[in-house]
N, C-alpha and C. Protein backbone atom coordinates (compact mmCIF):
# COMPACT_ATOMS: atom_id res chain seq x y z
N SER A 1 30.85 21.26 6.35
CA SER A 1 30.40 19.88 6.42
C SER A 1 30.68 19.32 7.80
N SER A 2 30.02 18.23 8.10
CA SER A 2 30.25 17.60 9.41
C SER A 2 31.68 17.09 9.51
N ALA A 3 32.28 16.69 8.40
CA ALA A 3 33.68 16.25 8.41
C ALA A 3 34.61 17.41 8.79
N ASP A 4 34.30 18.60 8.29
CA ASP A 4 35.11 19.78 8.64
C ASP A 4 34.99 20.10 10.13
N VAL A 5 33.79 20.00 10.66
CA VAL A 5 33.58 20.26 12.09
C VAL A 5 34.32 19.22 12.91
N ALA A 6 34.22 17.96 12.52
CA ALA A 6 34.91 16.89 13.24
C ALA A 6 36.42 17.12 13.25
N ALA A 7 36.95 17.57 12.13
CA ALA A 7 38.40 17.85 12.06
C ALA A 7 38.79 18.95 13.04
N GLN A 8 37.92 19.93 13.23
CA GLN A 8 38.20 21.01 14.19
C GLN A 8 38.28 20.49 15.62
N PHE A 9 37.56 19.40 15.90
CA PHE A 9 37.56 18.82 17.24
C PHE A 9 38.47 17.60 17.34
N SER A 10 39.20 17.31 16.26
CA SER A 10 40.13 16.17 16.23
C SER A 10 39.44 14.86 16.62
N CYS A 11 38.27 14.62 16.03
CA CYS A 11 37.56 13.37 16.26
C CYS A 11 36.94 12.90 14.95
N SER A 12 36.43 11.71 14.95
CA SER A 12 35.83 11.19 13.72
C SER A 12 34.45 11.81 13.50
N ARG A 13 34.03 11.86 12.27
CA ARG A 13 32.71 12.38 11.92
C ARG A 13 31.62 11.54 12.58
N ARG A 14 31.79 10.23 12.55
CA ARG A 14 30.79 9.34 13.15
C ARG A 14 30.62 9.60 14.64
N TYR A 15 31.74 9.75 15.33
CA TYR A 15 31.68 10.03 16.77
C TYR A 15 30.97 11.36 17.03
N LEU A 16 31.37 12.39 16.29
CA LEU A 16 30.76 13.70 16.48
C LEU A 16 29.27 13.66 16.16
N ASP A 17 28.89 12.98 15.08
CA ASP A 17 27.48 12.85 14.73
C ASP A 17 26.69 12.19 15.87
N ARG A 18 27.25 11.14 16.44
CA ARG A 18 26.56 10.42 17.51
C ARG A 18 26.42 11.29 18.76
N ILE A 19 27.49 11.92 19.17
CA ILE A 19 27.47 12.76 20.37
C ILE A 19 26.56 13.97 20.16
N PHE A 20 26.65 14.59 18.99
CA PHE A 20 25.82 15.75 18.71
C PHE A 20 24.34 15.35 18.72
N GLY A 21 24.02 14.25 18.08
CA GLY A 21 22.64 13.78 18.03
C GLY A 21 22.08 13.48 19.41
N GLN A 22 22.89 12.86 20.27
CA GLN A 22 22.45 12.56 21.63
C GLN A 22 22.24 13.84 22.44
N SER A 23 23.09 14.82 22.21
CA SER A 23 23.03 16.06 22.99
C SER A 23 21.95 17.02 22.52
N VAL A 24 21.79 17.14 21.21
CA VAL A 24 20.93 18.17 20.64
C VAL A 24 19.60 17.62 20.12
N GLY A 25 19.60 16.34 19.78
CA GLY A 25 18.36 15.73 19.29
C GLY A 25 18.17 15.80 17.80
N ARG A 26 19.17 16.24 17.09
CA ARG A 26 19.14 16.24 15.62
C ARG A 26 20.57 16.03 15.14
N SER A 27 20.70 15.69 13.87
CA SER A 27 22.03 15.41 13.34
C SER A 27 22.82 16.70 13.14
N LEU A 28 24.12 16.56 13.12
CA LEU A 28 25.00 17.70 12.87
C LEU A 28 24.71 18.27 11.48
N LEU A 29 24.49 17.42 10.50
CA LEU A 29 24.16 17.90 9.16
C LEU A 29 22.88 18.73 9.18
N ASP A 30 21.86 18.27 9.89
CA ASP A 30 20.62 19.04 10.00
C ASP A 30 20.89 20.42 10.60
N GLU A 31 21.73 20.47 11.60
CA GLU A 31 22.05 21.75 12.25
C GLU A 31 22.83 22.66 11.31
N ILE A 32 23.79 22.10 10.59
CA ILE A 32 24.54 22.89 9.62
C ILE A 32 23.59 23.47 8.57
N GLN A 33 22.71 22.63 8.04
CA GLN A 33 21.77 23.09 7.01
C GLN A 33 20.80 24.12 7.58
N ARG A 34 20.33 23.94 8.78
CA ARG A 34 19.43 24.91 9.40
C ARG A 34 20.12 26.26 9.55
N THR A 35 21.38 26.23 9.96
CA THR A 35 22.15 27.46 10.12
C THR A 35 22.37 28.14 8.77
N GLN A 36 22.68 27.35 7.74
CA GLN A 36 22.86 27.92 6.41
C GLN A 36 21.57 28.57 5.91
N VAL A 37 20.45 27.92 6.10
CA VAL A 37 19.16 28.46 5.65
C VAL A 37 18.84 29.76 6.40
N GLU A 38 19.13 29.82 7.68
CA GLU A 38 18.93 31.06 8.43
C GLU A 38 19.79 32.18 7.85
N ALA A 39 21.01 31.85 7.45
CA ALA A 39 21.88 32.86 6.83
C ALA A 39 21.29 33.34 5.51
N VAL A 40 20.75 32.42 4.70
CA VAL A 40 20.09 32.79 3.44
C VAL A 40 18.94 33.75 3.74
N LYS A 41 18.10 33.38 4.69
CA LYS A 41 16.94 34.20 5.02
C LYS A 41 17.36 35.60 5.50
N ASN A 42 18.40 35.66 6.31
CA ASN A 42 18.89 36.96 6.79
C ASN A 42 19.40 37.83 5.65
N LEU A 43 20.15 37.24 4.73
CA LEU A 43 20.64 38.01 3.58
C LEU A 43 19.48 38.52 2.74
N LEU A 44 18.51 37.67 2.49
CA LEU A 44 17.38 38.07 1.65
C LEU A 44 16.47 39.09 2.34
N ARG A 45 16.42 39.05 3.66
CA ARG A 45 15.66 40.07 4.39
C ARG A 45 16.32 41.44 4.23
N LYS A 46 17.65 41.46 4.20
CA LYS A 46 18.38 42.71 4.04
C LYS A 46 18.23 43.26 2.63
N ASP A 47 18.33 42.36 1.65
CA ASP A 47 18.27 42.80 0.24
C ASP A 47 17.83 41.64 -0.63
N SER A 48 16.58 41.65 -1.04
CA SER A 48 16.03 40.55 -1.82
C SER A 48 16.53 40.54 -3.26
N SER A 49 17.33 41.54 -3.64
CA SER A 49 17.84 41.57 -5.01
C SER A 49 19.17 40.81 -5.17
N PHE A 50 19.67 40.23 -4.07
CA PHE A 50 20.89 39.42 -4.17
C PHE A 50 20.71 38.32 -5.20
N LYS A 51 21.71 38.08 -5.99
CA LYS A 51 21.70 36.95 -6.93
C LYS A 51 21.89 35.66 -6.13
N GLN A 52 21.17 34.61 -6.56
CA GLN A 52 21.24 33.34 -5.83
C GLN A 52 22.65 32.77 -5.82
N VAL A 53 23.42 33.00 -6.87
CA VAL A 53 24.80 32.50 -6.90
C VAL A 53 25.60 33.13 -5.76
N ALA A 54 25.45 34.43 -5.57
CA ALA A 54 26.18 35.13 -4.50
C ALA A 54 25.70 34.68 -3.13
N VAL A 55 24.40 34.51 -2.96
CA VAL A 55 23.85 34.08 -1.67
C VAL A 55 24.35 32.68 -1.34
N ALA A 56 24.29 31.78 -2.32
CA ALA A 56 24.76 30.40 -2.10
C ALA A 56 26.22 30.40 -1.67
N ASP A 57 27.04 31.18 -2.34
CA ASP A 57 28.46 31.24 -2.03
C ASP A 57 28.69 31.81 -0.62
N ARG A 58 28.02 32.88 -0.28
CA ARG A 58 28.20 33.52 1.02
C ARG A 58 27.70 32.65 2.17
N CYS A 59 26.76 31.76 1.89
CA CYS A 59 26.16 30.94 2.94
C CYS A 59 26.73 29.52 2.99
N GLY A 60 27.78 29.27 2.20
CA GLY A 60 28.49 28.00 2.31
C GLY A 60 27.94 26.85 1.50
N PHE A 61 27.10 27.13 0.52
CA PHE A 61 26.58 26.07 -0.34
C PHE A 61 27.51 25.87 -1.53
N ALA A 62 27.57 24.64 -2.03
CA ALA A 62 28.41 24.32 -3.19
C ALA A 62 27.86 24.94 -4.47
N SER A 63 26.54 25.13 -4.51
CA SER A 63 25.91 25.68 -5.72
C SER A 63 24.54 26.25 -5.36
N PRO A 64 23.99 27.08 -6.25
CA PRO A 64 22.63 27.57 -6.02
C PRO A 64 21.60 26.44 -6.00
N GLU A 65 21.85 25.39 -6.77
CA GLU A 65 20.94 24.24 -6.78
C GLU A 65 20.90 23.57 -5.41
N ASP A 66 22.08 23.38 -4.82
CA ASP A 66 22.14 22.81 -3.47
C ASP A 66 21.41 23.69 -2.47
N MET A 67 21.61 25.00 -2.59
CA MET A 67 20.94 25.93 -1.69
C MET A 67 19.42 25.82 -1.83
N ARG A 68 18.92 25.78 -3.05
CA ARG A 68 17.47 25.69 -3.25
C ARG A 68 16.92 24.38 -2.69
N ARG A 69 17.65 23.28 -2.90
CA ARG A 69 17.21 21.98 -2.41
C ARG A 69 17.15 21.96 -0.88
N VAL A 70 18.21 22.43 -0.24
CA VAL A 70 18.27 22.43 1.23
C VAL A 70 17.24 23.41 1.80
N PHE A 71 17.08 24.56 1.19
CA PHE A 71 16.11 25.54 1.66
C PHE A 71 14.71 24.92 1.67
N LYS A 72 14.36 24.26 0.59
CA LYS A 72 13.03 23.64 0.49
C LYS A 72 12.88 22.53 1.54
N LYS A 73 13.95 21.75 1.75
CA LYS A 73 13.91 20.67 2.74
C LYS A 73 13.70 21.23 4.15
N VAL A 74 14.43 22.28 4.48
CA VAL A 74 14.39 22.84 5.83
C VAL A 74 13.13 23.68 6.06
N GLU A 75 12.79 24.52 5.09
CA GLU A 75 11.69 25.48 5.26
C GLU A 75 10.34 24.95 4.78
N GLY A 76 10.35 23.96 3.91
CA GLY A 76 9.09 23.46 3.36
C GLY A 76 8.49 24.37 2.30
N ARG A 77 9.27 25.32 1.83
CA ARG A 77 8.85 26.23 0.76
C ARG A 77 10.08 26.67 -0.01
N THR A 78 9.85 27.23 -1.17
CA THR A 78 10.97 27.66 -2.01
C THR A 78 11.51 29.01 -1.55
N ILE A 79 12.68 29.33 -2.04
CA ILE A 79 13.28 30.63 -1.74
C ILE A 79 12.39 31.73 -2.32
N GLY A 80 11.85 31.50 -3.50
CA GLY A 80 10.97 32.48 -4.12
C GLY A 80 9.74 32.75 -3.28
N ASP A 81 9.16 31.69 -2.71
CA ASP A 81 8.01 31.86 -1.82
C ASP A 81 8.39 32.67 -0.58
N PHE A 82 9.57 32.40 -0.05
CA PHE A 82 10.04 33.15 1.12
C PHE A 82 10.24 34.61 0.76
N ALA A 83 10.89 34.88 -0.36
CA ALA A 83 11.22 36.24 -0.76
C ALA A 83 9.96 37.06 -1.05
N SER A 84 8.91 36.40 -1.50
CA SER A 84 7.70 37.15 -1.85
C SER A 84 6.75 37.32 -0.66
N SER A 85 7.10 36.74 0.48
CA SER A 85 6.19 36.86 1.64
C SER A 85 6.57 38.04 2.52
């Protein structure tokens, strides 16, 4: 989470969000989610038979539901659509 990242830099989440957004052009949360989705895609490219529970856990999502929601938000398609392409 962005709060975890802020703690690593000993600063507030708000400050880190503002500085990150100014520097990168997107929010820290967007970047975290983008990175998580890339990890999901990499795992599924290696082995599409992974269970979604295991993929969600390995990629830092609280649940498979969260993973599916974020994946759709970031990619504009479902995990199933990605896996079948």
